[in-house]
């Protein structure tokens, strides 16, 4: 279960980074 939460957290961080990059490009 802990591993699942870690993966979810990592994915959330990746999404945040992508969103920030998109916002900067705009």
PDB file of N, CA and C in Angstrom:
ATOM      1  N   UNK A   1       0.841  -1.203   0.000  1.00  0.00           N
ATOM      2  CA  UNK A   1       0.000   0.000   0.000  1.00  0.00           C
ATOM      3  C   UNK A   1       0.880   1.259   0.000  1.00  0.00           C
ATOM      4  N   UNK A   2       1.937   1.221   0.785  1.00  0.00           N
ATOM      5  CA  UNK A   2       2.808   2.411   0.848  1.00  0.00           C
ATOM      6  C   UNK A   2       3.397   2.693  -0.538  1.00  0.00           C
ATOM      7  N   UNK A   3       3.772   1.638  -1.231  1.00  0.00           N
ATOM      8  CA  UNK A   3       4.369   1.826  -2.555  1.00  0.00           C
ATOM      9  C   UNK A   3       3.355   2.506  -3.481  1.00  0.00           C
ATOM     10  N   UNK A   4       2.095   2.111  -3.385  1.00  0.00           N
ATOM     11  CA  UNK A   4       1.055   2.719  -4.235  1.00  0.00           C
ATOM     12  C   UNK A   4       0.969   4.215  -3.980  1.00  0.00           C
ATOM     13  N   UNK A   5       0.963   4.611  -2.696  1.00  0.00           N
ATOM     14  CA  UNK A   5       0.865   6.046  -2.374  1.00  0.00           C
ATOM     15  C   UNK A   5       2.090   6.773  -2.917  1.00  0.00           C
ATOM     16  N   UNK A   6       3.254   6.140  -2.820  1.00  0.00           N
ATOM     17  CA  UNK A   6       4.479   6.779  -3.332  1.00  0.00           C
ATOM     18  C   UNK A   6       4.338   7.049  -4.826  1.00  0.00           C
ATOM     19  N   UNK A   7       3.838   6.044  -5.552  1.00  0.00           N
ATOM     20  CA  UNK A   7       3.670   6.219  -7.004  1.00  0.00           C
ATOM     21  C   UNK A   7       2.691   7.345  -7.289  1.00  0.00           C
ATOM     22  N   UNK A   8       1.602   7.370  -6.548  1.00  0.00           N
ATOM     23  CA  UNK A   8       0.593   8.427  -6.767  1.00  0.00           C
ATOM     24  C   UNK A   8       1.206   9.790  -6.492  1.00  0.00           C
ATOM     25  N   UNK A   9       1.975   9.874  -5.416  1.00  0.00           N
ATOM     26  CA  UNK A   9       2.595  11.174  -5.071  1.00  0.00           C
ATOM     27  C   UNK A   9       3.540  11.596  -6.180  1.00  0.00           C
ATOM     28  N   UNK A  10       4.334  10.649  -6.659  1.00  0.00           N
ATOM     29  CA  UNK A  10       5.288  10.976  -7.732  1.00  0.00           C
ATOM     30  C   UNK A  10       4.539  11.455  -8.965  1.00  0.00           C
ATOM     31  N   UNK A  11       3.462  10.756  -9.308  1.00  0.00           N
ATOM     32  CA  UNK A  11       2.683  11.147 -10.497  1.00  0.00           C
ATOM     33  C   UNK A  11       2.114  12.547 -10.308  1.00  0.00           C
ATOM     34  N   UNK A  12       1.633  12.842  -9.109  1.00  0.00           N
ATOM     35  CA  UNK A  12       1.052  14.171  -8.833  1.00  0.00           C
ATOM     36  C   UNK A  12       2.134  15.233  -9.012  1.00  0.00           C
ATOM     37  N   UNK A  13       3.332  14.958  -8.508  1.00  0.00           N
ATOM     38  CA  UNK A  13       4.427  15.933  -8.632  1.00  0.00           C
ATOM     39  C   UNK A  13       4.754  16.147 -10.110  1.00  0.00           C
ATOM     40  N   UNK A  14       4.797  15.046 -10.868  1.00  0.00           N
ATOM     41  CA  UNK A  14       5.090  15.166 -12.306  1.00  0.00           C
ATOM     42  C   UNK A  14       4.037  16.032 -12.986  1.00  0.00           C
ATOM     43  N   UNK A  15       2.765  15.792 -12.644  1.00  0.00           N
ATOM     44  CA  UNK A  15       1.676  16.583 -13.251  1.00  0.00           C
ATOM     45  C   UNK A  15       1.856  18.051 -12.903  1.00  0.00           C
ATOM     46  N   UNK A  16       2.213  18.322 -11.647  1.00  0.00           N
ATOM     47  CA  UNK A  16       2.397  19.723 -11.216  1.00  0.00           C
ATOM     48  C   UNK A  16       3.518  20.357 -12.030  1.00  0.00           C
ATOM     49  N   UNK A  17       4.599  19.620 -12.215  1.00  0.00           N
ATOM     50  CA  UNK A  17       5.737  20.166 -12.982  1.00  0.00           C
ATOM     51  C   UNK A  17       5.309  20.454 -14.412  1.00  0.00           C
ATOM     52  N   UNK A  18       4.595  19.538 -15.022  1.00  0.00           N
ATOM     53  CA  UNK A  18       4.142  19.740 -16.413  1.00  0.00           C
ATOM     54  C   UNK A  18       3.234  20.959 -16.480  1.00  0.00           C
ATOM     55  N   UNK A  19       2.325  21.079 -15.519  1.00  0.00           N
ATOM     56  CA  UNK A  19       1.399  22.227 -15.509  1.00  0.00           C
ATOM     57  C   UNK A  19       2.197  23.524 -15.386  1.00  0.00           C
ATOM     58  N   UNK A  20       3.206  23.531 -14.533  1.00  0.00           N
ATOM     59  CA  UNK A  20       4.016  24.744 -14.340  1.00  0.00           C
ATOM     60  C   UNK A  20       4.737  25.084 -15.649  1.00  0.00           C
ATOM     61  N   UNK A  21       5.270  24.068 -16.324  1.00  0.00           N
ATOM     62  CA  UNK A  21       5.971  24.314 -17.597  1.00  0.00           C
ATOM     63  C   UNK A  21       4.994  24.908 -18.608  1.00  0.00           C
ATOM     64  N   UNK A  22       3.793  24.345 -18.690  1.00  0.00           N
ATOM     65  CA  UNK A  22       2.797  24.855 -19.649  1.00  0.00           C
ATOM     66  C   UNK A  22       2.459  26.301 -19.315  1.00  0.00           C
ATOM     67  N   UNK A  23       2.275  26.577 -18.025  1.00  0.00           N
ATOM     68  CA  UNK A  23       1.921  27.951 -17.618  1.00  0.00           C
ATOM     69  C   UNK A  23       3.053  28.904 -18.016  1.00  0.00           C
ATOM     70  N   UNK A  24       4.295  28.474 -17.840  1.00  0.00           N
ATOM     71  CA  UNK A  24       5.429  29.352 -18.175  1.00  0.00           C
ATOM     72  C   UNK A  24       5.481  29.603 -19.674  1.00  0.00           C
ATOM     73  N   UNK A  25       5.235  28.565 -20.474  1.00  0.00           N
ATOM     74  CA  UNK A  25       5.289  28.721 -21.935  1.00  0.00           C
ATOM     75  C   UNK A  25       4.220  29.713 -22.400  1.00  0.00           C
ATOM     76  N   UNK A  26       3.084  29.730 -21.713  1.00  0.00           N
ATOM     77  CA  UNK A  26       2.003  30.634 -22.115  1.00  0.00           C
ATOM     78  C   UNK A  26       2.323  32.012 -21.651  1.00  0.00           C
TER      79      UNK A  26
END
